[in-house]
PDB file of all heavy atoms in Angstrom:
ATOM      1  N   SER A   1      37.073 -58.520  20.715  1.00  0.00           N
ATOM      2  CA  SER A   1      37.295 -57.093  20.460  1.00  0.00           C
ATOM      3  C   SER A   1      37.382 -56.802  18.969  1.00  0.00           C
ATOM      4  O   SER A   1      36.826 -55.807  18.486  1.00  0.00           O
ATOM      5  CB  SER A   1      38.567 -56.624  21.171  1.00  0.00           C
ATOM      6  OG  SER A   1      39.715 -57.294  20.670  1.00  0.00           O
ATOM      7  N   GLN A   2      38.063 -57.673  18.215  1.00  0.00           N
ATOM      8  CA  GLN A   2      38.146 -57.465  16.771  1.00  0.00           C
ATOM      9  C   GLN A   2      36.772 -57.567  16.113  1.00  0.00           C
ATOM     10  O   GLN A   2      36.452 -56.806  15.194  1.00  0.00           O
ATOM     11  CB  GLN A   2      39.095 -58.479  16.149  1.00  0.00           C
ATOM     12  CG  GLN A   2      40.568 -58.196  16.388  1.00  0.00           C
ATOM     13  CD  GLN A   2      41.456 -59.114  15.591  1.00  0.00           C
ATOM     14  OE1 GLN A   2      41.307 -60.331  15.623  1.00  0.00           O
ATOM     15  NE2 GLN A   2      42.407 -58.546  14.870  1.00  0.00           N
ATOM     16  N   ALA A   3      35.965 -58.512  16.573  1.00  0.00           N
ATOM     17  CA  ALA A   3      34.645 -58.700  15.973  1.00  0.00           C
ATOM     18  C   ALA A   3      33.715 -57.534  16.286  1.00  0.00           C
ATOM     19  O   ALA A   3      32.943 -57.091  15.431  1.00  0.00           O
ATOM     20  CB  ALA A   3      34.045 -60.014  16.462  1.00  0.00           C
ATOM     21  N   LEU A   4      33.791 -57.008  17.514  1.00  0.00           N
ATOM     22  CA  LEU A   4      32.913 -55.907  17.885  1.00  0.00           C
ATOM     23  C   LEU A   4      33.206 -54.652  17.075  1.00  0.00           C
ATOM     24  O   LEU A   4      32.293 -53.880  16.752  1.00  0.00           O
ATOM     25  CB  LEU A   4      33.047 -55.615  19.382  1.00  0.00           C
ATOM     26  CG  LEU A   4      32.370 -56.620  20.321  1.00  0.00           C
ATOM     27  CD1 LEU A   4      32.647 -56.284  21.771  1.00  0.00           C
ATOM     28  CD2 LEU A   4      30.858 -56.653  20.075  1.00  0.00           C
ATOM     29  N   VAL A   5      34.468 -54.447  16.744  1.00  0.00           N
ATOM     30  CA  VAL A   5      34.820 -53.291  15.920  1.00  0.00           C
ATOM     31  C   VAL A   5      34.139 -53.385  14.558  1.00  0.00           C
ATOM     32  O   VAL A   5      33.757 -52.377  13.955  1.00  0.00           O
ATOM     33  CB  VAL A   5      36.352 -53.184  15.767  1.00  0.00           C
ATOM     34  CG1 VAL A   5      36.728 -52.150  14.717  1.00  0.00           C
ATOM     35  CG2 VAL A   5      36.982 -52.815  17.097  1.00  0.00           C
ATOM     36  N   GLN A   6      33.967 -54.619  14.061  1.00  0.00           N
ATOM     37  CA  GLN A   6      33.319 -54.817  12.762  1.00  0.00           C
ATOM     38  C   GLN A   6      31.841 -54.437  12.792  1.00  0.00           C
ATOM     39  O   GLN A   6      31.216 -54.300  11.730  1.00  0.00           O
ATOM     40  CB  GLN A   6      33.459 -56.280  12.330  1.00  0.00           C
ATOM     41  CG  GLN A   6      34.881 -56.727  12.097  1.00  0.00           C
ATOM     42  CD  GLN A   6      35.532 -56.004  10.925  1.00  0.00           C
ATOM     43  OE1 GLN A   6      34.857 -55.604   9.982  1.00  0.00           O
ATOM     44  NE2 GLN A   6      36.843 -55.844  10.984  1.00  0.00           N
ATOM     45  N   ALA A   7      31.282 -54.253  13.986  1.00  0.00           N
ATOM     46  CA  ALA A   7      29.881 -53.847  14.090  1.00  0.00           C
ATOM     47  C   ALA A   7      29.710 -52.336  14.045  1.00  0.00           C
ATOM     48  O   ALA A   7      28.585 -51.837  14.107  1.00  0.00           O
ATOM     49  CB  ALA A   7      29.267 -54.401  15.375  1.00  0.00           C
ATOM     50  N   SER A   8      30.797 -51.604  13.922  1.00  0.00           N
ATOM     51  CA  SER A   8      30.719 -50.144  13.869  1.00  0.00           C
ATOM     52  C   SER A   8      30.128 -49.685  12.538  1.00  0.00           C
ATOM     53  O   SER A   8      30.313 -50.322  11.495  1.00  0.00           O
ATOM     54  CB  SER A   8      32.109 -49.537  14.061  1.00  0.00           C
ATOM     55  OG  SER A   8      32.086 -48.141  13.850  1.00  0.00           O
ATOM     56  N   ARG A   9      29.441 -48.561  12.568  1.00  0.00           N
ATOM     57  CA  ARG A   9      28.911 -47.977  11.335  1.00  0.00           C
ATOM     58  C   ARG A   9      29.977 -47.213  10.560  1.00  0.00           C
ATOM     59  O   ARG A   9      29.806 -46.928   9.376  1.00  0.00           O
ATOM     60  CB  ARG A   9      27.752 -47.023  11.673  1.00  0.00           C
ATOM     61  CG  ARG A   9      26.538 -47.712  12.283  1.00  0.00           C
ATOM     62  CD  ARG A   9      25.429 -46.699  12.536  1.00  0.00           C
ATOM     63  NE  ARG A   9      24.280 -47.319  13.204  1.00  0.00           N
ATOM     64  CZ  ARG A   9      23.286 -47.921  12.567  1.00  0.00           C
ATOM     65  NH1 ARG A   9      23.296 -47.988  11.251  1.00  0.00           N
ATOM     66  NH2 ARG A   9      22.284 -48.444  13.238  1.00  0.00           N
ATOM     67  N   ASN A  10      31.071 -46.885  11.237  1.00  0.00           N
ATOM     68  CA  ASN A  10      32.146 -46.106  10.625  1.00  0.00           C
ATOM     69  C   ASN A  10      33.089 -47.038   9.869  1.00  0.00           C
ATOM     70  O   ASN A  10      33.668 -47.966  10.455  1.00  0.00           O
ATOM     71  CB  ASN A  10      32.903 -45.330  11.704  1.00  0.00           C
ATOM     72  CG  ASN A  10      33.861 -44.320  11.119  1.00  0.00           C
ATOM     73  OD1 ASN A  10      34.670 -44.648  10.244  1.00  0.00           O
ATOM     74  ND2 ASN A  10      33.775 -43.088  11.593  1.00  0.00           N
ATOM     75  N   ILE A  11      33.266 -46.806   8.573  1.00  0.00           N
ATOM     76  CA  ILE A  11      34.121 -47.676   7.758  1.00  0.00           C
ATOM     77  C   ILE A  11      35.564 -47.623   8.236  1.00  0.00           C
ATOM     78  O   ILE A  11      36.256 -48.648   8.288  1.00  0.00           O
ATOM     79  CB  ILE A  11      34.034 -47.273   6.273  1.00  0.00           C
ATOM     80  CG1 ILE A  11      32.608 -47.497   5.756  1.00  0.00           C
ATOM     81  CG2 ILE A  11      35.018 -48.076   5.434  1.00  0.00           C
ATOM     82  CD1 ILE A  11      32.411 -47.076   4.318  1.00  0.00           C
ATOM     83  N   GLU A  12      36.055 -46.447   8.603  1.00  0.00           N
ATOM     84  CA  GLU A  12      37.438 -46.310   9.061  1.00  0.00           C
ATOM     85  C   GLU A  12      37.670 -47.088  10.347  1.00  0.00           C
ATOM     86  O   GLU A  12      38.733 -47.685  10.545  1.00  0.00           O
ATOM     87  CB  GLU A  12      37.786 -44.841   9.251  1.00  0.00           C
ATOM     88  CG  GLU A  12      37.798 -44.038   7.951  1.00  0.00           C
ATOM     89  CD  GLU A  12      38.183 -42.595   8.181  1.00  0.00           C
ATOM     90  OE1 GLU A  12      38.362 -42.217   9.367  1.00  0.00           O
ATOM     91  OE2 GLU A  12      38.312 -41.854   7.189  1.00  0.00           O
ATOM     92  N   VAL A  13      36.680 -47.091  11.220  1.00  0.00           N
ATOM     93  CA  VAL A  13      36.802 -47.865  12.466  1.00  0.00           C
ATOM     94  C   VAL A  13      36.844 -49.359  12.153  1.00  0.00           C
ATOM     95  O   VAL A  13      37.645 -50.113  12.712  1.00  0.00           O
ATOM     96  CB  VAL A  13      35.640 -47.530  13.425  1.00  0.00           C
ATOM     97  CG1 VAL A  13      35.668 -48.467  14.638  1.00  0.00           C
ATOM     98  CG2 VAL A  13      35.726 -46.082  13.878  1.00  0.00           C
ATOM     99  N   ARG A  14      35.984 -49.799  11.243  1.00  0.00           N
ATOM    100  CA  ARG A  14      35.969 -51.219  10.875  1.00  0.00           C
ATOM    101  C   ARG A  14      37.305 -51.650  10.267  1.00  0.00           C
ATOM    102  O   ARG A  14      37.767 -52.768  10.495  1.00  0.00           O
ATOM    103  CB  ARG A  14      34.833 -51.500   9.894  1.00  0.00           C
ATOM    104  CG  ARG A  14      33.448 -51.364  10.491  1.00  0.00           C
ATOM    105  CD  ARG A  14      32.422 -52.144   9.690  1.00  0.00           C
ATOM    106  NE  ARG A  14      32.356 -51.687   8.310  1.00  0.00           N
ATOM    107  CZ  ARG A  14      31.523 -50.749   7.871  1.00  0.00           C
ATOM    108  NH1 ARG A  14      30.703 -50.146   8.722  1.00  0.00           N
ATOM    109  NH2 ARG A  14      31.503 -50.412   6.596  1.00  0.00           N
ATOM    110  N   ASN A  15      37.910 -50.778   9.498  1.00  0.00           N
ATOM    111  CA  ASN A  15      39.189 -51.106   8.863  1.00  0.00           C
ATOM    112  C   ASN A  15      40.348 -51.125   9.849  1.00  0.00           C
ATOM    113  O   ASN A  15      41.444 -51.582   9.500  1.00  0.00           O
ATOM    114  CB  ASN A  15      39.495 -50.120   7.736  1.00  0.00           C
ATOM    115  CG  ASN A  15      38.542 -50.274   6.558  1.00  0.00           C
ATOM    116  OD1 ASN A  15      37.955 -51.335   6.374  1.00  0.00           O
ATOM    117  ND2 ASN A  15      38.394 -49.227   5.767  1.00  0.00           N
ATOM    118  N   SER A  16      40.128 -50.632  11.051  1.00  0.00           N
ATOM    119  CA  SER A  16      41.196 -50.589  12.061  1.00  0.00           C
ATOM    120  C   SER A  16      41.136 -51.777  13.008  1.00  0.00           C
ATOM    121  O   SER A  16      41.759 -51.744  14.078  1.00  0.00           O
ATOM    122  CB  SER A  16      41.112 -49.287  12.866  1.00  0.00           C
ATOM    123  OG  SER A  16      39.909 -49.239  13.629  1.00  0.00           O
ATOM    124  N   ALA A  17      40.398 -52.827  12.645  1.00  0.00           N
ATOM    125  CA  ALA A  17      40.222 -53.968  13.547  1.00  0.00           C
ATOM    126  C   ALA A  17      41.545 -54.616  13.917  1.00  0.00           C
ATOM    127  O   ALA A  17      41.695 -55.155  15.021  1.00  0.00           O
ATOM    128  CB  ALA A  17      39.296 -55.000  12.904  1.00  0.00           C
ATOM    129  N   GLU A  18      42.534 -54.572  13.017  1.00  0.00           N
ATOM    130  CA  GLU A  18      43.802 -55.242  13.282  1.00  0.00           C
ATOM    131  C   GLU A  18      44.589 -54.602  14.422  1.00  0.00           C
ATOM    132  O   GLU A  18      45.398 -55.280  15.063  1.00  0.00           O
ATOM    133  CB  GLU A  18      44.653 -55.258  12.014  1.00  0.00           C
ATOM    134  CG  GLU A  18      44.074 -56.117  10.896  1.00  0.00           C
ATOM    135  CD  GLU A  18      44.963 -56.141   9.679  1.00  0.00           C
ATOM    136  OE1 GLU A  18      45.995 -55.422   9.696  1.00  0.00           O
ATOM    137  OE2 GLU A  18      44.648 -56.862   8.712  1.00  0.00           O
ATOM    138  N   ILE A  19      44.381 -53.299  14.648  1.00  0.00           N
ATOM    139  CA  ILE A  19      45.160 -52.631  15.697  1.00  0.00           C
ATOM    140  C   ILE A  19      44.438 -52.631  17.039  1.00  0.00           C
ATOM    141  O   ILE A  19      45.021 -52.253  18.054  1.00  0.00           O
ATOM    142  CB  ILE A  19      45.512 -51.186  15.301  1.00  0.00           C
ATOM    143  CG1 ILE A  19      44.232 -50.319  15.243  1.00  0.00           C
ATOM    144  CG2 ILE A  19      46.248 -51.154  13.982  1.00  0.00           C
ATOM    145  CD1 ILE A  19      44.524 -48.856  15.060  1.00  0.00           C
ATOM    146  N   VAL A  20      43.173 -53.066  17.045  1.00  0.00           N
ATOM    147  CA  VAL A  20      42.397 -53.047  18.291  1.00  0.00           C
ATOM    148  C   VAL A  20      43.051 -53.879  19.396  1.00  0.00           C
ATOM    149  O   VAL A  20      43.118 -53.431  20.549  1.00  0.00           O
ATOM    150  CB  VAL A  20      40.953 -53.527  18.027  1.00  0.00           C
ATOM    151  CG1 VAL A  20      40.213 -53.774  19.338  1.00  0.00           C
ATOM    152  CG2 VAL A  20      40.213 -52.496  17.203  1.00  0.00           C
ATOM    153  N   PRO A  21      43.563 -55.106  19.109  1.00  0.00           N
ATOM    154  CA  PRO A  21      44.212 -55.867  20.187  1.00  0.00           C
ATOM    155  C   PRO A  21      45.380 -55.126  20.823  1.00  0.00           C
ATOM    156  O   PRO A  21      45.596 -55.239  22.037  1.00  0.00           O
ATOM    157  CB  PRO A  21      44.690 -57.142  19.468  1.00  0.00           C
ATOM    158  CG  PRO A  21      43.794 -57.273  18.297  1.00  0.00           C
ATOM    159  CD  PRO A  21      43.501 -55.883  17.853  1.00  0.00           C
ATOM    160  N   TYR A  22      46.104 -54.338  20.039  1.00  0.00           N
ATOM    161  CA  TYR A  22      47.256 -53.619  20.579  1.00  0.00           C
ATOM    162  C   TYR A  22      46.826 -52.428  21.427  1.00  0.00           C
ATOM    163  O   TYR A  22      47.474 -52.100  22.427  1.00  0.00           O
ATOM    164  CB  TYR A  22      48.169 -53.175  19.439  1.00  0.00           C
ATOM    165  CG  TYR A  22      48.775 -54.336  18.703  1.00  0.00           C
ATOM    166  CD1 TYR A  22      48.168 -54.866  17.572  1.00  0.00           C
ATOM    167  CD2 TYR A  22      49.941 -54.939  19.165  1.00  0.00           C
ATOM    168  CE1 TYR A  22      48.711 -55.955  16.912  1.00  0.00           C
ATOM    169  CE2 TYR A  22      50.496 -56.023  18.512  1.00  0.00           C
ATOM    170  CZ  TYR A  22      49.872 -56.522  17.388  1.00  0.00           C
ATOM    171  OH  TYR A  22      50.405 -57.604  16.746  1.00  0.00           O
ATOM    172  N   ILE A  23      45.728 -51.782  21.036  1.00  0.00           N
ATOM    173  CA  ILE A  23      45.190 -50.705  21.863  1.00  0.00           C
ATOM    174  C   ILE A  23      44.715 -51.260  23.200  1.00  0.00           C
ATOM    175  O   ILE A  23      45.002 -50.706  24.270  1.00  0.00           O
ATOM    176  CB  ILE A  23      44.036 -49.990  21.129  1.00  0.00           C
ATOM    177  CG1 ILE A  23      44.554 -49.325  19.850  1.00  0.00           C
ATOM    178  CG2 ILE A  23      43.368 -48.967  22.041  1.00  0.00           C
ATOM    179  CD1 ILE A  23      43.460 -48.708  19.001  1.00  0.00           C
ATOM    180  N   LEU A  24      43.997 -52.377  23.130  1.00  0.00           N
ATOM    181  CA  LEU A  24      43.525 -53.025  24.348  1.00  0.00           C
ATOM    182  C   LEU A  24      44.695 -53.482  25.207  1.00  0.00           C
ATOM    183  O   LEU A  24      44.693 -53.340  26.436  1.00  0.00           O
ATOM    184  CB  LEU A  24      42.638 -54.211  23.974  1.00  0.00           C
ATOM    185  CG  LEU A  24      41.948 -54.956  25.109  1.00  0.00           C
ATOM    186  CD1 LEU A  24      41.001 -54.026  25.848  1.00  0.00           C
ATOM    187  CD2 LEU A  24      41.173 -56.154  24.564  1.00  0.00           C
ATOM    188  N   LEU A  25      45.735 -54.024  24.541  1.00  0.00           N
ATOM    189  CA  LEU A  25      46.929 -54.471  25.259  1.00  0.00           C
ATOM    190  C   LEU A  25      47.605 -53.313  25.982  1.00  0.00           C
ATOM    191  O   LEU A  25      48.017 -53.441  27.141  1.00  0.00           O
ATOM    192  CB  LEU A  25      47.902 -55.109  24.263  1.00  0.00           C
ATOM    193  CG  LEU A  25      49.288 -55.486  24.798  1.00  0.00           C
ATOM    194  CD1 LEU A  25      49.168 -56.564  25.856  1.00  0.00           C
ATOM    195  CD2 LEU A  25      50.180 -55.951  23.650  1.00  0.00           C
ATOM    196  N   LEU A  26      47.711 -52.168  25.307  1.00  0.00           N
ATOM    197  CA  LEU A  26      48.341 -50.999  25.909  1.00  0.00           C
ATOM    198  C   LEU A  26      47.600 -50.567  27.167  1.00  0.00           C
ATOM    199  O   LEU A  26      48.216 -50.278  28.203  1.00  0.00           O
ATOM    200  CB  LEU A  26      48.372 -49.855  24.892  1.00  0.00           C
ATOM    201  CG  LEU A  26      48.996 -48.538  25.359  1.00  0.00           C
ATOM    202  CD1 LEU A  26      50.469 -48.746  25.715  1.00  0.00           C
ATOM    203  CD2 LEU A  26      48.853 -47.461  24.286  1.00  0.00           C
ATOM    204  N   ILE A  27      46.267 -50.576  27.104  1.00  0.00           N
ATOM    205  CA  ILE A  27      45.476 -50.176  28.273  1.00  0.00           C
ATOM    206  C   ILE A  27      45.683 -51.149  29.430  1.00  0.00           C
ATOM    207  O   ILE A  27      45.895 -50.740  30.586  1.00  0.00           O
ATOM    208  CB  ILE A  27      43.986 -50.099  27.887  1.00  0.00           C
ATOM    209  CG1 ILE A  27      43.763 -48.997  26.843  1.00  0.00           C
ATOM    210  CG2 ILE A  27      43.124 -49.846  29.116  1.00  0.00           C
ATOM    211  CD1 ILE A  27      42.366 -48.976  26.276  1.00  0.00           C
ATOM    212  N   ILE A  28      45.641 -52.446  29.131  1.00  0.00           N
ATOM    213  CA  ILE A  28      45.793 -53.459  30.185  1.00  0.00           C
ATOM    214  C   ILE A  28      47.176 -53.371  30.825  1.00  0.00           C
ATOM    215  O   ILE A  28      47.322 -53.437  32.055  1.00  0.00           O
ATOM    216  CB  ILE A  28      45.563 -54.873  29.612  1.00  0.00           C
ATOM    217  CG1 ILE A  28      44.098 -55.053  29.200  1.00  0.00           C
ATOM    218  CG2 ILE A  28      45.962 -55.942  30.625  1.00  0.00           C
ATOM    219  CD1 ILE A  28      43.124 -55.020  30.354  1.00  0.00           C
ATOM    220  N   LEU A  29      48.224 -53.231  30.005  1.00  0.00           N
ATOM    221  CA  LEU A  29      49.580 -53.227  30.536  1.00  0.00           C
ATOM    222  C   LEU A  29      49.875 -51.986  31.363  1.00  0.00           C
ATOM    223  O   LEU A  29      50.728 -52.014  32.248  1.00  0.00           O
ATOM    224  CB  LEU A  29      50.591 -53.350  29.395  1.00  0.00           C
ATOM    225  CG  LEU A  29      50.592 -54.692  28.652  1.00  0.00           C
ATOM    226  CD1 LEU A  29      51.706 -54.736  27.619  1.00  0.00           C
ATOM    227  CD2 LEU A  29      50.744 -55.852  29.627  1.00  0.00           C
ATOM    228  N   ILE A  30      49.194 -50.876  31.082  1.00  0.00           N
ATOM    229  CA  ILE A  30      49.354 -49.687  31.917  1.00  0.00           C
ATOM    230  C   ILE A  30      48.785 -49.943  33.304  1.00  0.00           C
ATOM    231  O   ILE A  30      49.365 -49.559  34.324  1.00  0.00           O
ATOM    232  CB  ILE A  30      48.672 -48.471  31.254  1.00  0.00           C
ATOM    233  CG1 ILE A  30      49.450 -48.049  30.003  1.00  0.00           C
ATOM    234  CG2 ILE A  30      48.576 -47.301  32.230  1.00  0.00           C
ATOM    235  CD1 ILE A  30      48.784 -46.936  29.228  1.00  0.00           C
ATOM    236  N   VAL A  31      47.645 -50.646  33.335  1.00  0.00           N
ATOM    237  CA  VAL A  31      46.980 -50.916  34.610  1.00  0.00           C
ATOM    238  C   VAL A  31      47.627 -52.094  35.337  1.00  0.00           C
ATOM    239  O   VAL A  31      47.844 -52.064  36.553  1.00  0.00           O
ATOM    240  CB  VAL A  31      45.482 -51.196  34.372  1.00  0.00           C
ATOM    241  CG1 VAL A  31      44.776 -51.542  35.681  1.00  0.00           C
ATOM    242  CG2 VAL A  31      44.828 -49.993  33.717  1.00  0.00           C
ATOM    243  N   ARG A  32      47.970 -53.147  34.569  1.00  0.00           N
ATOM    244  CA  ARG A  32      48.523 -54.368  35.161  1.00  0.00           C
ATOM    245  C   ARG A  32      49.628 -54.885  34.250  1.00  0.00           C
ATOM    246  O   ARG A  32      49.363 -55.690  33.336  1.00  0.00           O
ATOM    247  CB  ARG A  32      47.418 -55.410  35.338  1.00  0.00           C
ATOM    248  CG  ARG A  32      47.839 -56.641  36.107  1.00  0.00           C
ATOM    249  CD  ARG A  32      46.667 -57.587  36.314  1.00  0.00           C
ATOM    250  NE  ARG A  32      47.079 -58.831  36.924  1.00  0.00           N
ATOM    251  CZ  ARG A  32      47.252 -59.023  38.221  1.00  0.00           C
ATOM    252  NH1 ARG A  32      47.058 -58.028  39.063  1.00  0.00           N
ATOM    253  NH2 ARG A  32      47.635 -60.201  38.686  1.00  0.00           N
ATOM    254  N   PRO A  33      50.868 -54.441  34.447  1.00  0.00           N
ATOM    255  CA  PRO A  33      51.963 -54.759  33.515  1.00  0.00           C
ATOM    256  C   PRO A  33      52.217 -56.251  33.311  1.00  0.00           C
ATOM    257  O   PRO A  33      52.676 -56.648  32.244  1.00  0.00           O
ATOM    258  CB  PRO A  33      53.181 -54.080  34.167  1.00  0.00           C
ATOM    259  CG  PRO A  33      52.609 -53.012  35.027  1.00  0.00           C
ATOM    260  CD  PRO A  33      51.301 -53.542  35.521  1.00  0.00           C
ATOM    261  N   GLU A  34      51.930 -57.084  34.296  1.00  0.00           N
ATOM    262  CA  GLU A  34      52.175 -58.514  34.161  1.00  0.00           C
ATOM    263  C   GLU A  34      51.043 -59.248  33.453  1.00  0.00           C
ATOM    264  O   GLU A  34      51.111 -60.467  33.271  1.00  0.00           O
ATOM    265  CB  GLU A  34      52.420 -59.149  35.536  1.00  0.00           C
ATOM    266  CG  GLU A  34      51.234 -59.129  36.478  1.00  0.00           C
ATOM    267  CD  GLU A  34      51.152 -57.826  37.257  1.00  0.00           C
ATOM    268  OE1 GLU A  34      51.872 -56.873  36.939  1.00  0.00           O
ATOM    269  OE2 GLU A  34      50.345 -57.780  38.217  1.00  0.00           O
ATOM    270  N   GLY A  35      50.013 -58.522  33.027  1.00  0.00           N
ATOM    271  CA  GLY A  35      48.877 -59.153  32.368  1.00  0.00           C
ATOM    272  C   GLY A  35      47.799 -59.543  33.368  1.00  0.00           C
ATOM    273  O   GLY A  35      47.980 -59.455  34.582  1.00  0.00           O
ATOM    274  N   LEU A  36      46.669 -60.001  32.855  1.00  0.00           N
ATOM    275  CA  LEU A  36      45.530 -60.294  33.720  1.00  0.00           C
ATOM    276  C   LEU A  36      45.807 -61.423  34.699  1.00  0.00           C
ATOM    277  O   LEU A  36      45.372 -61.397  35.846  1.00  0.00           O
ATOM    278  CB  LEU A  36      44.309 -60.647  32.857  1.00  0.00           C
ATOM    279  CG  LEU A  36      43.769 -59.524  31.965  1.00  0.00           C
ATOM    280  CD1 LEU A  36      42.649 -60.052  31.077  1.00  0.00           C
ATOM    281  CD2 LEU A  36      43.278 -58.361  32.811  1.00  0.00           C
ATOM    282  N   PHE A  37      46.538 -62.469  34.237  1.00  0.00           N
ATOM    283  CA  PHE A  37      46.789 -63.641  35.078  1.00  0.00           C
ATOM    284  C   PHE A  37      48.279 -63.871  35.319  1.00  0.00           C
ATOM    285  O   PHE A  37      48.662 -64.926  35.818  1.00  0.00           O
ATOM    286  CB  PHE A  37      46.187 -64.895  34.423  1.00  0.00           C
ATOM    287  CG  PHE A  37      44.698 -64.859  34.304  1.00  0.00           C
ATOM    288  CD1 PHE A  37      44.087 -64.283  33.200  1.00  0.00           C
ATOM    289  CD2 PHE A  37      43.894 -65.382  35.296  1.00  0.00           C
ATOM    290  CE1 PHE A  37      42.710 -64.246  33.078  1.00  0.00           C
ATOM    291  CE2 PHE A  37      42.507 -65.347  35.179  1.00  0.00           C
ATOM    292  CZ  PHE A  37      41.917 -64.771  34.076  1.00  0.00           C
ATOM    293  N   GLY A  38      49.111 -62.918  34.924  1.00  0.00           N
ATOM    294  CA  GLY A  38      50.550 -63.086  35.070  1.00  0.00           C
ATOM    295  C   GLY A  38      50.994 -63.009  36.523  1.00  0.00           C
ATOM    296  O   GLY A  38      50.288 -62.477  37.392  1.00  0.00           O
ATOM    297  N   GLN A  39      52.162 -63.538  36.789  1.00  0.00           N
ATOM    298  CA  GLN A  39      52.715 -63.548  38.139  1.00  0.00           C
ATOM    299  C   GLN A  39      53.592 -62.316  38.348  1.00  0.00           C
ATOM    300  O   GLN A  39      54.418 -61.973  37.507  1.00  0.00           O
ATOM    301  CB  GLN A  39      53.561 -64.802  38.370  1.00  0.00           C
ATOM    302  CG  GLN A  39      52.772 -66.098  38.278  1.00  0.00           C
ATOM    303  CD  GLN A  39      53.655 -67.304  38.480  1.00  0.00           C
ATOM    304  OE1 GLN A  39      54.866 -67.198  38.590  1.00  0.00           O
ATOM    305  NE2 GLN A  39      53.045 -68.478  38.517  1.00  0.00           N
ATOM    306  N   LYS A  40      53.368 -61.654  39.463  1.00  0.00           N
ATOM    307  CA  LYS A  40      54.207 -60.507  39.818  1.00  0.00           C
ATOM    308  C   LYS A  40      55.376 -61.026  40.645  1.00  0.00           C
ATOM    309  O   LYS A  40      55.205 -61.532  41.752  1.00  0.00           O
ATOM    310  CB  LYS A  40      53.418 -59.484  40.617  1.00  0.00           C
ATOM    311  CG  LYS A  40      54.216 -58.233  40.991  1.00  0.00           C
ATOM    312  CD  LYS A  40      53.373 -57.247  41.774  1.00  0.00           C
ATOM    313  CE  LYS A  40      52.284 -56.647  40.905  1.00  0.00           C
ATOM    314  NZ  LYS A  40      51.534 -55.592  41.643  1.00  0.00           N
ATOM    315  N   ARG A  41      56.577 -60.953  40.069  1.00  0.00           N
ATOM    316  CA  ARG A  41      57.777 -61.475  40.743  1.00  0.00           C
ATOM    317  C   ARG A  41      58.497 -60.339  41.473  1.00  0.00           C
ATOM    318  O   ARG A  41      58.725 -59.269  40.896  1.00  0.00           O
ATOM    319  CB  ARG A  41      58.707 -62.142  39.737  1.00  0.00           C
ATOM    320  CG  ARG A  41      58.076 -63.369  39.078  1.00  0.00           C
ATOM    321  CD  ARG A  41      59.062 -64.091  38.183  1.00  0.00           C
ATOM    322  NE  ARG A  41      58.462 -65.250  37.580  1.00  0.00           N
ATOM    323  CZ  ARG A  41      58.403 -66.458  38.122  1.00  0.00           C
ATOM    324  NH1 ARG A  41      58.933 -66.636  39.343  1.00  0.00           N
ATOM    325  NH2 ARG A  41      57.840 -67.462  37.497  1.00  0.00           N
ATOM    326  N   ILE A  42      58.857 -60.614  42.712  1.00  0.00           N
ATOM    327  CA  ILE A  42      59.557 -59.637  43.534  1.00  0.00           C
ATOM    328  C   ILE A  42      60.959 -60.185  43.832  1.00  0.00           C
ATOM    329  O   ILE A  42      61.095 -61.297  44.349  1.00  0.00           O
ATOM    330  CB  ILE A  42      58.811 -59.368  44.851  1.00  0.00           C
ATOM    331  CG1 ILE A  42      57.415 -58.821  44.542  1.00  0.00           C
ATOM    332  CG2 ILE A  42      59.601 -58.393  45.699  1.00  0.00           C
ATOM    333  CD1 ILE A  42      56.565 -58.615  45.775  1.00  0.00           C
TER     334      ILE A  42
END
């Protein structure tokens, strides 16, 4: 994800590569709070 952002034509987007993992993390945790392979404990 960080590398793909570097392929953007927009300089501001390229400079935001460091926050991309956190944006992706926020989306994943909203959908699946325990993570992709985490265990759901009841």
